[in-house]
Amino acid sequence: SVPRNPHPLADYSTCIGLRTGQSCSPVCTPGYDTVGVAPFDMTCDAKDGSYSDESGLSCVGLPCTKGPSSSAMSASYDTCNDLVSGELCVPSCLKGFTLVSADPFNITCVDGSYADASHVVCEATLCALGASNPTKDVNYTVCMERSTGDVCTPTCRNGFSVPQGVVVRAVELLCDEGAFLDTSGVTCESGLCTAGPVAPSPNVDYSPCSSKRSGETCDPTCLLGFSIDGTSN
């Protein structure tokens, strides 16, 4: 026997096999609280065995306070954990990860938990923007080619070096919107240009530059007997 006017969230299994005059008490399906139900005496149609649901059944969605029974890697369910059965759940990704795909689904909360039917996929975000708190004269290129969860150690840019005694720590990357927090402790100091130019021009006096540091301005002059245009005097 089946009801002619079934409640979409009702379970009528306790009424199967009953006859006219017997009492039927439907309940709500898992994830819903049964309220307002009153047992009723069944009147079964002689032709098809159907009956009218006169229970006044009402079903109220239960809350999902415990989160998913099993979660996808790097997924965030904060937007779903305040929902009740029947509402739409769309997971997102944890900080440092980018959403690839997720299927919205109607949540069903049983004992405070729910099954994740979203097939959500999150991937580690690339730290392409470098450090959100960059230190002057630091080279972050090695970190900008890596993603959340990777480890990198920033270095100094050409012409600069880590001062003696400074310990530079490796950084475990958390790439938030493409940038990461530099916790390496790296500092860089400029080096002295004592060895002269790598490719010196002939007849040029570079001695004014020998006491300069990286980043400072150097003004070489011509050797005695030569002028700026390259001709001898």
C-alpha atoms as a PDB file:
ATOM      1  CA  SER A   1       0.000   0.000   0.000  1.00  0.00           C
ATOM      2  CA  VAL A   2       1.232   3.479  -0.860  1.00  0.00           C
ATOM      3  CA  PRO A   3      -0.146   6.927   0.028  1.00  0.00           C
ATOM      4  CA  ARG A   4      -1.902   8.938  -2.661  1.00  0.00           C
ATOM      5  CA  ASN A   5      -0.462  12.171  -1.249  1.00  0.00           C
ATOM      6  CA  PRO A   6       3.019  11.239   0.044  1.00  0.00           C
ATOM      7  CA  HIS A   7       5.120  13.744   1.933  1.00  0.00           C
ATOM      8  CA  PRO A   8       8.420  14.121  -0.009  1.00  0.00           C
ATOM      9  CA  LEU A   9      10.500  13.571   3.138  1.00  0.00           C
ATOM     10  CA  ALA A  10       8.395  10.828   4.740  1.00  0.00           C
ATOM     11  CA  ASP A  11       9.236   7.184   5.297  1.00  0.00           C
ATOM     12  CA  TYR A  12       6.089   5.055   5.074  1.00  0.00           C
ATOM     13  CA  SER A  13       7.760   1.676   5.616  1.00  0.00           C
ATOM     14  CA  THR A  14       5.936   1.182   8.955  1.00  0.00           C
ATOM     15  CA  CYS A  15       2.612   1.412   7.094  1.00  0.00           C
ATOM     16  CA  ILE A  16       3.358  -1.257   4.491  1.00  0.00           C
ATOM     17  CA  GLY A  17       1.203  -4.335   4.858  1.00  0.00           C
ATOM     18  CA  LEU A  18      -1.409  -2.684   7.058  1.00  0.00           C
ATOM     19  CA  ARG A  19      -5.119  -2.928   6.366  1.00  0.00           C
ATOM     20  CA  THR A  20      -8.086  -0.590   6.542  1.00  0.00           C
ATOM     21  CA  GLY A  21      -8.729   0.361  10.151  1.00  0.00           C
ATOM     22  CA  GLN A  22      -5.152  -0.261  11.286  1.00  0.00           C
ATOM     23  CA  SER A  23      -3.071   2.654  12.565  1.00  0.00           C
ATOM     24  CA  CYS A  24      -0.280   4.170  10.445  1.00  0.00           C
ATOM     25  CA  SER A  25       2.464   6.451  11.822  1.00  0.00           C
ATOM     26  CA  PRO A  26       4.922   7.628   9.123  1.00  0.00           C
ATOM     27  CA  VAL A  27       8.244   9.161  10.115  1.00  0.00           C
ATOM     28  CA  CYS A  28      10.732  11.481   8.415  1.00  0.00           C
ATOM     29  CA  THR A  29      13.711  10.206   6.444  1.00  0.00           C
ATOM     30  CA  PRO A  30      17.220  10.362   8.009  1.00  0.00           C
ATOM     31  CA  GLY A  31      18.444  13.918   8.459  1.00  0.00           C
ATOM     32  CA  TYR A  32      15.049  15.280   9.433  1.00  0.00           C
ATOM     33  CA  ASP A  33      13.212  15.556  12.737  1.00  0.00           C
ATOM     34  CA  THR A  34       9.653  14.219  12.776  1.00  0.00           C
ATOM     35  CA  VAL A  35       7.247  16.797  14.210  1.00  0.00           C
ATOM     36  CA  GLY A  36       3.454  17.241  14.236  1.00  0.00           C
ATOM     37  CA  VAL A  37       2.688  13.648  13.284  1.00  0.00           C
ATOM     38  CA  ALA A  38      -0.493  11.983  14.528  1.00  0.00           C
ATOM     39  CA  PRO A  39      -1.244   8.275  13.969  1.00  0.00           C
ATOM     40  CA  PHE A  40      -4.255   7.764  11.729  1.00  0.00           C
ATOM     41  CA  ASP A  41      -6.519   4.848  10.849  1.00  0.00           C
ATOM     42  CA  MET A  42      -5.918   3.771   7.306  1.00  0.00           C
ATOM     43  CA  THR A  43      -8.632   3.536   4.678  1.00  0.00           C
ATOM     44  CA  CYS A  44      -7.223   1.492   1.819  1.00  0.00           C
ATOM     45  CA  ASP A  45      -8.616   1.724  -1.700  1.00  0.00           C
ATOM     46  CA  ALA A  46      -9.988  -1.644  -2.739  1.00  0.00           C
ATOM     47  CA  LYS A  47      -8.640  -1.315  -6.275  1.00  0.00           C
ATOM     48  CA  ASP A  48      -4.981  -0.339  -5.814  1.00  0.00           C
ATOM     49  CA  GLY A  49      -4.439  -0.492  -2.053  1.00  0.00           C
ATOM     50  CA  SER A  50      -3.543   3.190  -1.848  1.00  0.00           C
ATOM     51  CA  TYR A  51      -4.531   5.409   1.037  1.00  0.00           C
ATOM     52  CA  SER A  52      -4.561   9.082   2.015  1.00  0.00           C
ATOM     53  CA  ASP A  53      -1.901  10.320   4.427  1.00  0.00           C
ATOM     54  CA  GLU A  54      -3.848  12.017   7.208  1.00  0.00           C
ATOM     55  CA  SER A  55      -0.974  12.164   9.699  1.00  0.00           C
ATOM     56  CA  GLY A  56      -0.225  15.882   9.405  1.00  0.00           C
ATOM     57  CA  LEU A  57       3.445  14.945   9.220  1.00  0.00           C
ATOM     58  CA  SER A  58       6.026  17.765   9.190  1.00  0.00           C
ATOM     59  CA  CYS A  59       9.792  17.306   8.753  1.00  0.00           C
ATOM     60  CA  VAL A  60      12.402  19.756  10.019  1.00  0.00           C
ATOM     61  CA  GLY A  61      16.008  19.607   8.787  1.00  0.00           C
ATOM     62  CA  LEU A  62      18.611  18.677  11.413  1.00  0.00           C
ATOM     63  CA  PRO A  63      21.755  20.818  11.805  1.00  0.00           C
ATOM     64  CA  CYS A  64      25.192  19.763  10.491  1.00  0.00           C
ATOM     65  CA  THR A  65      27.246  20.814  13.517  1.00  0.00           C
ATOM     66  CA  LYS A  66      30.027  18.199  13.216  1.00  0.00           C
ATOM     67  CA  GLY A  67      31.072  18.773   9.614  1.00  0.00           C
ATOM     68  CA  PRO A  68      31.527  16.094   6.934  1.00  0.00           C
ATOM     69  CA  SER A  69      31.996  12.435   7.853  1.00  0.00           C
ATOM     70  CA  SER A  70      34.959  12.424   5.455  1.00  0.00           C
ATOM     71  CA  SER A  71      36.568  15.477   3.898  1.00  0.00           C
ATOM     72  CA  ALA A  72      38.463  16.096   0.687  1.00  0.00           C
ATOM     73  CA  MET A  73      42.101  17.143   0.908  1.00  0.00           C
ATOM     74  CA  SER A  74      42.598  20.922   1.382  1.00  0.00           C
ATOM     75  CA  ALA A  75      38.828  21.577   1.243  1.00  0.00           C
ATOM     76  CA  SER A  76      37.006  23.978   3.570  1.00  0.00           C
ATOM     77  CA  TYR A  77      33.472  23.193   4.749  1.00  0.00           C
ATOM     78  CA  ASP A  78      32.880  26.354   6.787  1.00  0.00           C
ATOM     79  CA  THR A  79      30.054  27.413   4.460  1.00  0.00           C
ATOM     80  CA  CYS A  80      28.291  24.067   4.978  1.00  0.00           C
ATOM     81  CA  ASN A  81      28.729  23.458   8.699  1.00  0.00           C
ATOM     82  CA  ASP A  82      25.978  25.915   9.686  1.00  0.00           C
ATOM     83  CA  LEU A  83      23.424  24.398   7.319  1.00  0.00           C
ATOM     84  CA  VAL A  84      20.528  22.025   7.998  1.00  0.00           C
ATOM     85  CA  SER A  85      19.353  19.028   5.977  1.00  0.00           C
ATOM     86  CA  GLY A  86      17.892  20.033   2.635  1.00  0.00           C
ATOM     87  CA  GLU A  87      19.984  23.173   2.180  1.00  0.00           C
ATOM     88  CA  LEU A  88      22.571  23.593  -0.572  1.00  0.00           C
ATOM     89  CA  CYS A  89      26.216  22.961   0.304  1.00  0.00           C
ATOM     90  CA  VAL A  90      29.124  24.226  -1.816  1.00  0.00           C
ATOM     91  CA  PRO A  91      32.551  23.553  -0.221  1.00  0.00           C
ATOM     92  CA  SER A  92      35.472  25.908  -0.829  1.00  0.00           C
ATOM     93  CA  CYS A  93      39.240  25.523  -0.342  1.00  0.00           C
ATOM     94  CA  LEU A  94      41.530  26.180   2.579  1.00  0.00           C
ATOM     95  CA  LYS A  95      43.749  29.255   2.562  1.00  0.00           C
ATOM     96  CA  GLY A  96      46.624  28.723   0.153  1.00  0.00           C
ATOM     97  CA  PHE A  97      44.639  26.506  -2.204  1.00  0.00           C
ATOM     98  CA  THR A  98      42.603  27.260  -5.332  1.00  0.00           C
ATOM     99  CA  LEU A  99      39.227  25.722  -6.179  1.00  0.00           C
ATOM    100  CA  VAL A 100      39.334  23.594  -9.347  1.00  0.00           C
ATOM    101  CA  SER A 101      35.819  22.153  -9.208  1.00  0.00           C
ATOM    102  CA  ALA A 102      32.960  21.445  -6.799  1.00  0.00           C
ATOM    103  CA  ASP A 103      29.414  20.169  -7.346  1.00  0.00           C
ATOM    104  CA  PRO A 104      26.736  21.835  -5.178  1.00  0.00           C
ATOM    105  CA  PHE A 105      24.623  19.251  -3.313  1.00  0.00           C
ATOM    106  CA  ASN A 106      21.674  19.140  -0.944  1.00  0.00           C
ATOM    107  CA  ILE A 107      23.075  18.306   2.456  1.00  0.00           C
ATOM    108  CA  THR A 108      21.665  15.527   4.685  1.00  0.00           C
ATOM    109  CA  CYS A 109      22.725  15.727   8.334  1.00  0.00           C
ATOM    110  CA  VAL A 110      22.719  12.489  10.346  1.00  0.00           C
ATOM    111  CA  ASP A 111      23.971  12.638  13.937  1.00  0.00           C
ATOM    112  CA  GLY A 112      25.408  16.086  13.148  1.00  0.00           C
ATOM    113  CA  SER A 113      27.545  14.921  10.205  1.00  0.00           C
ATOM    114  CA  TYR A 114      26.991  14.647   6.487  1.00  0.00           C
ATOM    115  CA  ALA A 115      28.496  12.900   3.468  1.00  0.00           C
ATOM    116  CA  ASP A 116      30.369  15.170   1.072  1.00  0.00           C
ATOM    117  CA  ALA A 117      28.828  14.678  -2.370  1.00  0.00           C
ATOM    118  CA  SER A 118      30.555  17.664  -3.987  1.00  0.00           C
ATOM    119  CA  HIS A 119      33.638  15.868  -5.416  1.00  0.00           C
ATOM    120  CA  VAL A 120      35.485  19.086  -4.538  1.00  0.00           C
ATOM    121  CA  VAL A 121      39.017  19.418  -5.931  1.00  0.00           C
ATOM    122  CA  CYS A 122      41.534  21.968  -4.590  1.00  0.00           C
ATOM    123  CA  GLU A 123      45.070  22.576  -5.852  1.00  0.00           C
ATOM    124  CA  ALA A 124      47.986  24.315  -4.179  1.00  0.00           C
ATOM    125  CA  THR A 125      48.255  27.996  -5.173  1.00  0.00           C
ATOM    126  CA  LEU A 126      51.464  29.181  -6.872  1.00  0.00           C
ATOM    127  CA  CYS A 127      53.379  31.920  -5.008  1.00  0.00           C
ATOM    128  CA  ALA A 128      53.884  33.870  -8.248  1.00  0.00           C
ATOM    129  CA  LEU A 129      53.650  37.290  -6.544  1.00  0.00           C
ATOM    130  CA  GLY A 130      56.505  36.608  -4.126  1.00  0.00           C
ATOM    131  CA  ALA A 131      56.539  37.767  -0.508  1.00  0.00           C
ATOM    132  CA  SER A 132      53.725  39.895   0.899  1.00  0.00           C
ATOM    133  CA  ASN A 133      56.322  41.451   3.241  1.00  0.00           C
ATOM    134  CA  PRO A 134      59.442  41.622   1.033  1.00  0.00           C
ATOM    135  CA  THR A 135      62.814  42.523   2.511  1.00  0.00           C
ATOM    136  CA  LYS A 136      64.994  44.973   0.578  1.00  0.00           C
ATOM    137  CA  ASP A 137      67.597  43.438  -1.751  1.00  0.00           C
ATOM    138  CA  VAL A 138      66.267  39.864  -1.299  1.00  0.00           C
ATOM    139  CA  ASN A 139      65.794  37.599  -4.318  1.00  0.00           C
ATOM    140  CA  TYR A 140      62.526  35.626  -4.049  1.00  0.00           C
ATOM    141  CA  THR A 141      62.688  33.998  -7.498  1.00  0.00           C
ATOM    142  CA  VAL A 142      63.208  30.481  -6.108  1.00  0.00           C
ATOM    143  CA  CYS A 143      60.028  30.873  -4.011  1.00  0.00           C
ATOM    144  CA  MET A 144      57.910  32.371  -6.785  1.00  0.00           C
ATOM    145  CA  GLU A 145      58.256  29.150  -8.764  1.00  0.00           C
ATOM    146  CA  ARG A 146      56.753  27.055  -5.940  1.00  0.00           C
ATOM    147  CA  SER A 147      53.338  26.483  -4.365  1.00  0.00           C
ATOM    148  CA  THR A 148      51.642  26.140  -0.986  1.00  0.00           C
ATOM    149  CA  GLY A 149      53.250  23.335   1.016  1.00  0.00           C
ATOM    150  CA  ASP A 150      56.623  23.642  -0.722  1.00  0.00           C
ATOM    151  CA  VAL A 151      59.739  24.866   1.072  1.00  0.00           C
ATOM    152  CA  CYS A 152      62.102  27.577  -0.157  1.00  0.00           C
ATOM    153  CA  THR A 153      64.994  29.645   1.169  1.00  0.00           C
ATOM    154  CA  PRO A 154      65.237  33.232  -0.145  1.00  0.00           C
ATOM    155  CA  THR A 155      68.662  34.521  -1.178  1.00  0.00           C
ATOM    156  CA  CYS A 156      70.220  37.935  -1.686  1.00  0.00           C
ATOM    157  CA  ARG A 157      70.229  39.515  -5.117  1.00  0.00           C
ATOM    158  CA  ASN A 158      73.478  39.911  -7.037  1.00  0.00           C
ATOM    159  CA  GLY A 159      75.871  42.259  -5.318  1.00  0.00           C
ATOM    160  CA  PHE A 160      74.441  41.612  -1.849  1.00  0.00           C
ATOM    161  CA  SER A 161      75.097  38.952   0.764  1.00  0.00           C
ATOM    162  CA  VAL A 162      73.750  37.729   4.088  1.00  0.00           C
ATOM    163  CA  PRO A 163      75.654  39.398   6.962  1.00  0.00           C
ATOM    164  CA  GLN A 164      77.922  37.167   9.026  1.00  0.00           C
ATOM    165  CA  GLY A 165      76.060  35.563  11.912  1.00  0.00           C
ATOM    166  CA  VAL A 166      72.599  35.913  10.379  1.00  0.00           C
ATOM    167  CA  VAL A 167      70.757  32.588  10.101  1.00  0.00           C
ATOM    168  CA  VAL A 168      68.335  32.314   7.195  1.00  0.00           C
ATOM    169  CA  ARG A 169      65.484  29.858   7.787  1.00  0.00           C
ATOM    170  CA  ALA A 170      63.675  27.875   5.118  1.00  0.00           C
ATOM    171  CA  VAL A 171      60.061  28.970   4.619  1.00  0.00           C
ATOM    172  CA  GLU A 172      57.143  26.542   4.303  1.00  0.00           C
ATOM    173  CA  LEU A 173      54.993  28.365   1.795  1.00  0.00           C
ATOM    174  CA  LEU A 174      51.370  29.329   2.305  1.00  0.00           C
ATOM    175  CA  CYS A 175      50.430  31.180  -0.872  1.00  0.00           C
ATOM    176  CA  ASP A 176      47.459  33.419  -0.105  1.00  0.00           C
ATOM    177  CA  GLU A 177      46.192  34.976  -3.345  1.00  0.00           C
ATOM    178  CA  GLY A 178      49.603  34.341  -4.916  1.00  0.00           C
ATOM    179  CA  ALA A 179      51.794  35.806  -2.146  1.00  0.00           C
ATOM    180  CA  PHE A 180      53.436  34.327   0.965  1.00  0.00           C
ATOM    181  CA  LEU A 181      54.630  35.651   4.332  1.00  0.00           C
ATOM    182  CA  ASP A 182      58.437  35.736   4.499  1.00  0.00           C
ATOM    183  CA  THR A 183      59.445  34.275   7.886  1.00  0.00           C
ATOM    184  CA  SER A 184      63.009  33.404   6.832  1.00  0.00           C
ATOM    185  CA  GLY A 185      64.709  36.215   8.754  1.00  0.00           C
ATOM    186  CA  VAL A 186      66.871  36.961   5.724  1.00  0.00           C
ATOM    187  CA  THR A 187      68.666  40.303   5.536  1.00  0.00           C
ATOM    188  CA  CYS A 188      71.108  41.437   2.883  1.00  0.00           C
ATOM    189  CA  GLU A 189      73.979  43.879   2.967  1.00  0.00           C
ATOM    190  CA  SER A 190      75.718  45.447   0.005  1.00  0.00           C
ATOM    191  CA  GLY A 191      79.162  44.177  -0.989  1.00  0.00           C
ATOM    192  CA  LEU A 192      82.279  46.307  -1.620  1.00  0.00           C
ATOM    193  CA  CYS A 193      83.369  46.563  -5.271  1.00  0.00           C
ATOM    194  CA  THR A 194      87.082  46.104  -4.499  1.00  0.00           C
ATOM    195  CA  ALA A 195      87.942  43.990  -7.553  1.00  0.00           C
ATOM    196  CA  GLY A 196      86.919  46.528 -10.166  1.00  0.00           C
ATOM    197  CA  PRO A 197      84.613  45.916 -13.155  1.00  0.00           C
ATOM    198  CA  VAL A 198      84.036  42.496 -14.692  1.00  0.00           C
ATOM    199  CA  ALA A 199      84.631  43.853 -18.203  1.00  0.00           C
ATOM    200  CA  PRO A 200      86.687  47.069 -17.868  1.00  0.00           C
ATOM    201  CA  SER A 201      86.870  49.545 -20.727  1.00  0.00           C
ATOM    202  CA  PRO A 202      90.385  50.476 -21.859  1.00  0.00           C
ATOM    203  CA  ASN A 203      91.943  53.732 -20.645  1.00  0.00           C
ATOM    204  CA  VAL A 204      89.391  54.196 -17.861  1.00  0.00           C
ATOM    205  CA  ASP A 205      90.257  54.960 -14.262  1.00  0.00           C
ATOM    206  CA  TYR A 206      87.920  52.987 -11.959  1.00  0.00           C
ATOM    207  CA  SER A 207      89.604  53.973  -8.716  1.00  0.00           C
ATOM    208  CA  PRO A 208      86.674  56.277  -7.709  1.00  0.00           C
ATOM    209  CA  CYS A 209      84.510  53.121  -7.645  1.00  0.00           C
ATOM    210  CA  SER A 210      86.781  50.874  -5.572  1.00  0.00           C
ATOM    211  CA  SER A 211      85.296  52.073  -2.281  1.00  0.00           C
ATOM    212  CA  LYS A 212      81.688  51.891  -3.445  1.00  0.00           C
ATOM    213  CA  ARG A 213      79.104  49.319  -2.422  1.00  0.00           C
ATOM    214  CA  SER A 214      76.372  47.640  -4.431  1.00  0.00           C
ATOM    215  CA  GLY A 215      73.615  50.120  -5.128  1.00  0.00           C
ATOM    216  CA  GLU A 216      75.812  53.198  -4.887  1.00  0.00           C
ATOM    217  CA  THR A 217      76.615  55.449  -7.844  1.00  0.00           C
ATOM    218  CA  CYS A 218      80.022  55.144  -9.481  1.00  0.00           C
ATOM    219  CA  ASP A 219      81.637  57.839 -11.704  1.00  0.00           C
ATOM    220  CA  PRO A 220      84.714  56.435 -13.455  1.00  0.00           C
ATOM    221  CA  THR A 221      87.029  58.880 -15.214  1.00  0.00           C
ATOM    222  CA  CYS A 222      89.507  58.665 -18.065  1.00  0.00           C
ATOM    223  CA  LEU A 223      93.172  57.932 -17.520  1.00  0.00           C
ATOM    224  CA  LEU A 224      95.578  60.829 -17.833  1.00  0.00           C
ATOM    225  CA  GLY A 225      96.004  61.677 -21.479  1.00  0.00           C
ATOM    226  CA  PHE A 226      92.526  60.449 -22.547  1.00  0.00           C
ATOM    227  CA  SER A 227      89.175  62.174 -22.865  1.00  0.00           C
ATOM    228  CA  ILE A 228      85.582  60.930 -22.610  1.00  0.00           C
ATOM    229  CA  ASP A 229      85.228  60.522 -26.419  1.00  0.00           C
ATOM    230  CA  GLY A 230      88.032  57.947 -26.394  1.00  0.00           C
ATOM    231  CA  THR A 231      90.741  60.047 -28.111  1.00  0.00           C
ATOM    232  CA  SER A 232      94.141  60.762 -26.558  1.00  0.00           C
ATOM    233  CA  ASN A 233      95.210  64.267 -25.668  1.00  0.00           C
END
